Amino acid sequence: MITAEEWLQDILEILGWLGILHTEKHKGAFYEYYNYGNPQLSTHNSDWDYPVDFWRGRDGLDKEALMFWFDGYPKINKILNMS
């Protein structure tokens, strides 16, 4: 059975693959080609997938990617209009 922590990690990693969670240096596949067969890691023993492995909350959400994938969802549009 999957734990809440594993479920949350999966969700965050999916958001990274979609380009919503990334850093300026590590943008991921939404903006540039990335070879996921040879991933960059923030540490040698990281359990997180690229690019979320480098993302921190202060990096925020990529609104362009969020709109690309979820435009038309009222709750997402409400989040985008808050900032």
C-alpha atoms as a PDB file:
ATOM      1  CA  MET A   1       0.000   0.000   0.000  1.00  0.00           C
ATOM      2  CA  ILE A   2       1.277   3.444  -0.906  1.00  0.00           C
ATOM      3  CA  THR A   3       1.883   5.896   1.914  1.00  0.00           C
ATOM      4  CA  ALA A   4       0.758   9.527   1.926  1.00  0.00           C
ATOM      5  CA  GLU A   5       4.399  10.616   1.578  1.00  0.00           C
ATOM      6  CA  GLU A   6       4.915   8.401  -1.493  1.00  0.00           C
ATOM      7  CA  TRP A   7       1.676   9.662  -3.026  1.00  0.00           C
ATOM      8  CA  LEU A   8       2.721  13.276  -2.490  1.00  0.00           C
ATOM      9  CA  GLN A   9       6.164  12.606  -3.972  1.00  0.00           C
ATOM     10  CA  ASP A  10       4.524  11.058  -7.044  1.00  0.00           C
ATOM     11  CA  ILE A  11       2.267  14.104  -7.499  1.00  0.00           C
ATOM     12  CA  LEU A  12       5.185  16.539  -7.178  1.00  0.00           C
ATOM     13  CA  GLU A  13       7.277  14.533  -9.653  1.00  0.00           C
ATOM     14  CA  ILE A  14       4.406  14.518 -12.163  1.00  0.00           C
ATOM     15  CA  LEU A  15       4.178  18.304 -11.825  1.00  0.00           C
ATOM     16  CA  GLY A  16       7.910  18.420 -12.538  1.00  0.00           C
ATOM     17  CA  TRP A  17       7.543  16.281 -15.671  1.00  0.00           C
ATOM     18  CA  LEU A  18       4.767  18.629 -16.822  1.00  0.00           C
ATOM     19  CA  GLY A  19       7.074  21.627 -16.362  1.00  0.00           C
ATOM     20  CA  ILE A  20       5.089  23.172 -13.530  1.00  0.00           C
ATOM     21  CA  LEU A  21       7.758  22.626 -10.853  1.00  0.00           C
ATOM     22  CA  HIS A  22      11.328  23.385 -11.916  1.00  0.00           C
ATOM     23  CA  THR A  23      14.214  25.777 -11.366  1.00  0.00           C
ATOM     24  CA  GLU A  24      15.707  28.255 -13.814  1.00  0.00           C
ATOM     25  CA  LYS A  25      18.751  26.022 -14.293  1.00  0.00           C
ATOM     26  CA  HIS A  26      16.853  22.713 -14.356  1.00  0.00           C
ATOM     27  CA  LYS A  27      13.744  23.307 -16.465  1.00  0.00           C
ATOM     28  CA  GLY A  28      12.906  19.770 -17.531  1.00  0.00           C
ATOM     29  CA  ALA A  29      11.218  18.440 -20.646  1.00  0.00           C
ATOM     30  CA  PHE A  30       8.538  21.127 -20.989  1.00  0.00           C
ATOM     31  CA  TYR A  31      11.183  23.648 -22.088  1.00  0.00           C
ATOM     32  CA  GLU A  32      14.140  21.569 -23.250  1.00  0.00           C
ATOM     33  CA  TYR A  33      15.149  18.061 -24.212  1.00  0.00           C
ATOM     34  CA  TYR A  34      16.289  16.032 -21.260  1.00  0.00           C
ATOM     35  CA  ASN A  35      17.647  12.483 -21.284  1.00  0.00           C
ATOM     36  CA  TYR A  36      15.734  10.828 -18.457  1.00  0.00           C
ATOM     37  CA  GLY A  37      17.861   7.708 -18.943  1.00  0.00           C
ATOM     38  CA  ASN A  38      20.796   9.609 -17.443  1.00  0.00           C
ATOM     39  CA  PRO A  39      19.244  11.857 -14.792  1.00  0.00           C
ATOM     40  CA  GLN A  40      20.966  14.694 -12.991  1.00  0.00           C
ATOM     41  CA  LEU A  41      20.569  14.474  -9.225  1.00  0.00           C
ATOM     42  CA  SER A  42      21.025  17.086  -6.518  1.00  0.00           C
ATOM     43  CA  THR A  43      22.828  14.469  -4.408  1.00  0.00           C
ATOM     44  CA  HIS A  44      24.168  11.022  -5.231  1.00  0.00           C
ATOM     45  CA  ASN A  45      21.449   9.275  -3.236  1.00  0.00           C
ATOM     46  CA  SER A  46      18.383  11.349  -4.076  1.00  0.00           C
ATOM     47  CA  ASP A  47      15.028   9.582  -4.321  1.00  0.00           C
ATOM     48  CA  TRP A  48      13.442  12.387  -6.355  1.00  0.00           C
ATOM     49  CA  ASP A  49      13.068  12.578 -10.135  1.00  0.00           C
ATOM     50  CA  TYR A  50      14.422  15.396 -12.273  1.00  0.00           C
ATOM     51  CA  PRO A  51      13.623  18.344 -12.267  1.00  0.00           C
ATOM     52  CA  VAL A  52      11.739  18.269  -8.937  1.00  0.00           C
ATOM     53  CA  ASP A  53      14.899  16.997  -7.264  1.00  0.00           C
ATOM     54  CA  PHE A  54      16.276  20.555  -7.637  1.00  0.00           C
ATOM     55  CA  TRP A  55      12.993  22.438  -7.087  1.00  0.00           C
ATOM     56  CA  ARG A  56      12.279  24.209  -3.808  1.00  0.00           C
ATOM     57  CA  GLY A  57       9.072  25.965  -2.842  1.00  0.00           C
ATOM     58  CA  ARG A  58      10.686  29.378  -3.269  1.00  0.00           C
ATOM     59  CA  ASP A  59      11.067  28.523  -6.989  1.00  0.00           C
ATOM     60  CA  GLY A  60       7.293  28.721  -7.288  1.00  0.00           C
ATOM     61  CA  LEU A  61       4.993  27.436 -10.011  1.00  0.00           C
ATOM     62  CA  ASP A  62       5.502  27.904 -13.722  1.00  0.00           C
ATOM     63  CA  LYS A  63       2.278  29.625 -14.724  1.00  0.00           C
ATOM     64  CA  GLU A  64       2.858  29.146 -18.452  1.00  0.00           C
ATOM     65  CA  ALA A  65       3.129  25.368 -18.059  1.00  0.00           C
ATOM     66  CA  LEU A  66       0.204  25.308 -15.624  1.00  0.00           C
ATOM     67  CA  MET A  67      -1.975  27.129 -18.154  1.00  0.00           C
ATOM     68  CA  PHE A  68      -0.797  24.868 -20.979  1.00  0.00           C
ATOM     69  CA  TRP A  69      -1.943  21.721 -19.188  1.00  0.00           C
ATOM     70  CA  PHE A  70      -4.870  22.940 -17.077  1.00  0.00           C
ATOM     71  CA  ASP A  71      -6.343  26.034 -18.741  1.00  0.00           C
ATOM     72  CA  GLY A  72     -10.107  26.029 -18.437  1.00  0.00           C
ATOM     73  CA  TYR A  73     -10.241  24.491 -14.967  1.00  0.00           C
ATOM     74  CA  PRO A  74     -11.901  27.121 -12.740  1.00  0.00           C
ATOM     75  CA  LYS A  75      -9.867  26.281  -9.626  1.00  0.00           C
ATOM     76  CA  ILE A  76      -6.586  26.534 -11.550  1.00  0.00           C
ATOM     77  CA  ASN A  77      -7.613  29.871 -13.058  1.00  0.00           C
ATOM     78  CA  LYS A  78      -8.447  31.086  -9.540  1.00  0.00           C
ATOM     79  CA  ILE A  79      -4.947  30.101  -8.336  1.00  0.00           C
ATOM     80  CA  LEU A  80      -3.343  31.923 -11.260  1.00  0.00           C
ATOM     81  CA  ASN A  81      -5.337  35.097 -10.641  1.00  0.00           C
ATOM     82  CA  MET A  82      -4.297  35.223  -6.956  1.00  0.00           C
ATOM     83  CA  SER A  83      -0.763  36.422  -7.717  1.00  0.00           C
END
